[in-house]
């Protein structure tokens, strides 16, 4: 199978996950770029940020039209992650590729376990400013280092820390993802990483289309079923990346 076809298929899966769950799609982008398309880890995390930004904006528009975005809560959460995302984005180029891959595999495994456990976060009562700042900063750092949106962390944090209703948490998480990814990408602007646009653009095109389909899919299939499917895929991806890095 050609690299172009693989890019189209992988992009569709990423967009579908982002549109349906607000999570899971972006964390599939890096392993797809590395394992299927032959990108180096540093180039993959940078390219993933480009894909995450455009795809998340597409999914965000769909959720906003449905009234499922809490802008104030999302911007507050994102603001706490701006500086960590910028610092982590600048430092990521100094991390050895093997270490970067292992960090990503560990994060992917964590995301998979959270999806497979299918625990619905409970809304918090009194909103804690310290907890909100800490959660937002941690998410920003993850985005900066590993080029992922961190939706699997943002959704439960928005519900439990900022008391965002579950039906609005997915759309709101996309707002946070876009803000953090933009800052992280800006921090990498001066790194000497070259991107293969001939593969990134087709990947991006089907990811955008998949994001629209994912939003419709979320209205037809239960969130638990979607999480189990994507969680199983992600766990396999994490194991493959970890084994490859240790060889």
Protein backbone atom coordinates (compact mmCIF):
# COMPACT_ATOMS: atom_id res chain seq x y z
CA UNK A 1 0.00 0.00 0.00
CA UNK A 2 1.42 3.39 -0.99
CA UNK A 3 2.30 6.09 1.53
CA UNK A 4 -0.36 8.37 0.04
CA UNK A 5 -3.14 5.82 0.61
CA UNK A 6 -1.90 5.20 4.16
CA UNK A 7 -1.93 8.96 4.83
CA UNK A 8 -5.52 9.23 3.58
CA UNK A 9 -6.73 6.29 5.70
CA UNK A 10 -4.90 7.38 8.85
CA UNK A 11 -6.16 10.94 8.49
CA UNK A 12 -9.75 9.74 8.26
CA UNK A 13 -9.40 7.73 11.48
CA UNK A 14 -7.81 10.64 13.34
CA UNK A 15 -10.56 13.04 12.26
CA UNK A 16 -13.28 10.55 13.16
CA UNK A 17 -11.93 10.15 16.70
CA UNK A 18 -11.52 13.89 17.24
CA UNK A 19 -14.98 14.71 15.96
CA UNK A 20 -16.70 11.96 17.93
CA UNK A 21 -14.81 12.10 21.23
CA UNK A 22 -12.83 15.34 21.33
CA UNK A 23 -9.98 13.02 22.27
CA UNK A 24 -7.97 10.10 20.96
CA UNK A 25 -7.61 11.36 17.41
CA UNK A 26 -4.63 13.61 17.96
CA UNK A 27 -2.79 10.99 19.96
CA UNK A 28 -3.11 8.62 16.99
CA UNK A 29 -1.51 11.17 14.67
CA UNK A 30 2.09 10.85 15.88
CA UNK A 31 2.27 7.03 15.71
CA UNK A 32 0.60 7.13 12.28
CA UNK A 33 3.20 9.58 11.00
CA UNK A 34 6.08 7.60 12.53
CA UNK A 35 4.97 4.01 11.99
CA UNK A 36 3.07 4.26 8.71
CA UNK A 37 4.66 7.20 6.94
CA UNK A 38 8.27 7.02 8.17
CA UNK A 39 8.52 10.42 9.90
CA UNK A 40 11.20 10.96 12.54
CA UNK A 41 9.67 11.52 16.03
CA UNK A 42 10.59 15.24 16.07
CA UNK A 43 9.06 15.83 12.64
CA UNK A 44 6.02 13.73 13.56
CA UNK A 45 5.23 15.74 16.70
CA UNK A 46 5.55 19.01 14.77
CA UNK A 47 3.48 17.75 11.86
CA UNK A 48 0.90 16.42 14.32
CA UNK A 49 0.42 19.91 15.74
CA UNK A 50 -0.45 21.25 12.28
CA UNK A 51 -2.93 18.42 11.73
CA UNK A 52 -4.40 18.74 15.22
CA UNK A 53 -4.96 22.49 14.87
CA UNK A 54 -6.80 22.36 11.55
CA UNK A 55 -8.81 19.24 12.39
CA UNK A 56 -9.76 20.49 15.86
CA UNK A 57 -10.94 23.81 14.43
CA UNK A 58 -13.18 21.89 12.04
CA UNK A 59 -14.65 19.77 14.83
CA UNK A 60 -14.94 22.84 17.07
CA UNK A 61 -17.09 24.65 14.51
CA UNK A 62 -19.47 21.67 14.38
CA UNK A 63 -19.78 21.57 18.17
CA UNK A 64 -20.17 25.35 18.43
CA UNK A 65 -23.04 25.28 15.95
CA UNK A 66 -24.76 22.77 18.20
CA UNK A 67 -24.23 25.05 21.22
CA UNK A 68 -21.93 22.55 22.89
CA UNK A 69 -18.95 24.81 23.68
CA UNK A 70 -18.38 26.73 26.94
CA UNK A 71 -16.07 29.48 25.68
CA UNK A 72 -15.28 31.14 29.01
CA UNK A 73 -14.31 27.89 30.75
CA UNK A 74 -12.31 26.73 27.74
CA UNK A 75 -10.35 29.97 27.41
CA UNK A 76 -9.61 30.03 31.16
CA UNK A 77 -8.30 26.48 31.00
CA UNK A 78 -6.28 27.19 27.86
CA UNK A 79 -4.75 30.38 29.31
CA UNK A 80 -3.15 28.36 32.10
CA UNK A 81 -1.39 26.17 29.54
CA UNK A 82 0.05 28.89 27.29
CA UNK A 83 3.44 29.28 28.96
CA UNK A 84 3.98 25.54 29.66
CA UNK A 85 3.06 24.74 26.05
CA UNK A 86 5.54 27.31 24.73
CA UNK A 87 8.38 26.16 26.99
CA UNK A 88 7.77 22.46 26.34
CA UNK A 89 7.51 23.08 22.61
CA UNK A 90 10.90 24.80 22.57
CA UNK A 91 12.54 22.08 24.69
CA UNK A 92 11.11 19.14 22.76
CA UNK A 93 13.76 19.41 20.02
CA UNK A 94 16.43 18.65 22.64
CA UNK A 95 14.86 15.36 23.74
CA UNK A 96 16.51 12.22 22.25
CA UNK A 97 14.21 10.49 19.76
CA UNK A 98 14.11 7.22 21.71
CA UNK A 99 13.09 9.02 24.89
CA UNK A 100 10.48 11.04 22.99
CA UNK A 101 9.01 7.87 21.51
CA UNK A 102 8.88 6.11 24.89
CA UNK A 103 7.22 9.16 26.48
CA UNK A 104 4.63 9.15 23.76
CA UNK A 105 4.02 5.39 24.08
CA UNK A 106 3.46 5.79 27.83
CA UNK A 107 1.03 8.66 27.26
CA UNK A 108 -0.85 6.68 24.60
CA UNK A 109 -1.14 3.70 26.96
CA UNK A 110 -2.53 5.97 29.68
CA UNK A 111 -5.08 7.39 27.25
CA UNK A 112 -6.09 3.89 26.13
CA UNK A 113 -6.60 2.68 29.70
CA UNK A 114 -8.77 5.71 30.50
CA UNK A 115 -10.91 5.03 27.44
CA UNK A 116 -11.26 1.31 28.15
CA UNK A 117 -12.25 1.90 31.77
CA UNK A 118 -15.15 4.03 30.48
CA UNK A 119 -15.54 5.98 33.69
CA UNK A 120 -17.65 9.10 33.24
CA UNK A 121 -16.14 12.02 35.17
CA UNK A 122 -18.42 13.62 37.72
CA UNK A 123 -18.96 17.38 37.70
CA UNK A 124 -17.13 19.20 40.45
CA UNK A 125 -19.02 21.31 42.93
CA UNK A 126 -16.95 24.30 43.88
CA UNK A 127 -14.46 25.29 41.19
CA UNK A 128 -10.89 25.42 42.51
CA UNK A 129 -8.72 28.07 40.85
CA UNK A 130 -5.52 26.27 41.87
CA UNK A 131 -6.71 22.97 40.45
CA UNK A 132 -7.86 24.65 37.24
CA UNK A 133 -4.48 26.33 36.78
CA UNK A 134 -2.61 23.10 37.54
CA UNK A 135 -4.70 21.02 35.14
CA UNK A 136 -4.45 23.63 32.38
CA UNK A 137 -0.68 23.96 32.81
CA UNK A 138 -0.17 20.20 32.74
CA UNK A 139 -2.20 19.85 29.57
CA UNK A 140 -0.23 22.66 27.92
CA UNK A 141 3.06 20.96 28.75
CA UNK A 142 1.88 17.64 27.30
CA UNK A 143 0.79 19.37 24.10
CA UNK A 144 4.11 21.20 23.78
CA UNK A 145 6.32 18.16 24.33
CA UNK A 146 4.48 15.48 22.41
CA UNK A 147 2.43 17.31 19.80
CA UNK A 148 -0.92 15.96 21.01
CA UNK A 149 -4.06 17.87 21.88
CA UNK A 150 -4.58 16.04 25.15
CA UNK A 151 -8.34 15.80 24.80
CA UNK A 152 -8.40 12.58 26.85
CA UNK A 153 -7.06 14.67 29.74
CA UNK A 154 -8.99 17.85 28.95
CA UNK A 155 -12.48 16.33 28.91
CA UNK A 156 -12.42 14.84 32.44
CA UNK A 157 -10.55 17.88 33.78
CA UNK A 158 -13.12 20.30 32.37
CA UNK A 159 -15.94 18.27 33.93
CA UNK A 160 -14.35 17.66 37.33
CA UNK A 161 -12.38 20.88 37.80
CA UNK A 162 -14.38 23.56 35.97
CA UNK A 163 -17.81 21.92 36.32
CA UNK A 164 -18.44 21.93 32.56
CA UNK A 165 -21.45 19.70 31.71
CA UNK A 166 -20.44 16.45 30.02
CA UNK A 167 -22.46 17.26 26.90
CA UNK A 168 -20.35 20.42 26.43
CA UNK A 169 -16.99 19.04 27.58
CA UNK A 170 -16.02 17.51 24.22
CA UNK A 171 -16.62 20.74 22.29
CA UNK A 172 -14.94 22.83 24.99
CA UNK A 173 -11.91 20.54 25.02
CA UNK A 174 -11.43 21.25 21.31
CA UNK A 175 -11.14 24.96 22.10
CA UNK A 176 -8.41 24.15 24.64
CA UNK A 177 -6.65 21.85 22.18
CA UNK A 178 -6.53 24.51 19.46
CA UNK A 179 -5.14 27.17 21.80
CA UNK A 180 -2.41 24.93 23.25
CA UNK A 181 -1.42 23.49 19.89
CA UNK A 182 -1.08 26.95 18.31
CA UNK A 183 1.28 28.05 21.08
CA UNK A 184 3.31 24.83 20.92
CA UNK A 185 3.64 25.08 17.14
CA UNK A 186 4.78 28.69 17.41
CA UNK A 187 7.49 27.63 19.87
CA UNK A 188 8.80 25.15 17.29
CA UNK A 189 8.90 27.68 14.46
CA UNK A 190 12.66 28.11 14.70
CA UNK A 191 13.60 24.44 14.98
CA UNK A 192 15.29 22.76 12.04
CA UNK A 193 12.50 20.27 11.35
CA UNK A 194 11.45 19.65 7.76
CA UNK A 195 7.95 18.36 7.06
CA UNK A 196 6.85 16.22 4.13
CA UNK A 197 3.85 18.25 2.99
CA UNK A 198 3.12 15.79 0.19
CA UNK A 199 1.95 13.38 2.93
CA UNK A 200 0.75 15.81 5.58
CA UNK A 201 -1.73 17.60 3.30
CA UNK A 202 -3.60 14.42 2.20
CA UNK A 203 -3.57 13.25 5.83
CA UNK A 204 -5.02 16.61 6.85
CA UNK A 205 -7.68 16.58 4.13
CA UNK A 206 -9.23 13.29 5.20
CA UNK A 207 -8.85 14.22 8.88
CA UNK A 208 -11.00 17.31 8.30
CA UNK A 209 -13.65 15.25 6.51
CA UNK A 210 -13.49 12.64 9.26
CA UNK A 211 -14.05 15.28 11.94
CA UNK A 212 -17.40 16.22 10.41
CA UNK A 213 -18.40 12.55 10.17
CA UNK A 214 -17.25 12.00 13.75
CA UNK A 215 -19.59 14.67 15.04
CA UNK A 216 -22.52 12.90 13.34
CA UNK A 217 -21.31 9.51 14.56
CA UNK A 218 -21.30 10.75 18.15
CA UNK A 219 -25.03 11.45 17.86
CA UNK A 220 -25.76 7.87 16.74
CA UNK A 221 -23.38 5.66 18.73
CA UNK A 222 -22.94 5.65 22.50
CA UNK A 223 -19.83 7.33 23.88
CA UNK A 224 -18.94 4.12 25.75
CA UNK A 225 -18.83 2.07 22.56
CA UNK A 226 -16.74 4.66 20.75
CA UNK A 227 -14.30 4.88 23.65
CA UNK A 228 -13.84 1.11 23.80
CA UNK A 229 -13.08 0.88 20.08
CA UNK A 230 -10.60 3.75 20.02
CA UNK A 231 -9.11 2.67 23.35
CA UNK A 232 -8.31 -0.80 21.99
CA UNK A 233 -6.72 0.67 18.86
CA UNK A 234 -4.69 3.11 20.93
CA UNK A 235 -3.44 0.42 23.32
CA UNK A 236 -2.13 -1.62 20.39
CA UNK A 237 -0.45 1.49 18.98
CA UNK A 238 1.20 2.27 22.33
CA UNK A 239 2.56 -1.28 22.64
CA UNK A 240 3.94 -1.20 19.10
CA UNK A 241 5.68 2.14 19.62
CA UNK A 242 7.16 1.06 22.93
CA UNK A 243 8.57 -2.17 21.51
CA UNK A 244 9.97 -0.40 18.45
CA UNK A 245 11.74 2.20 20.61
CA UNK A 246 13.36 -0.46 22.80
CA UNK A 247 14.80 -2.50 19.91
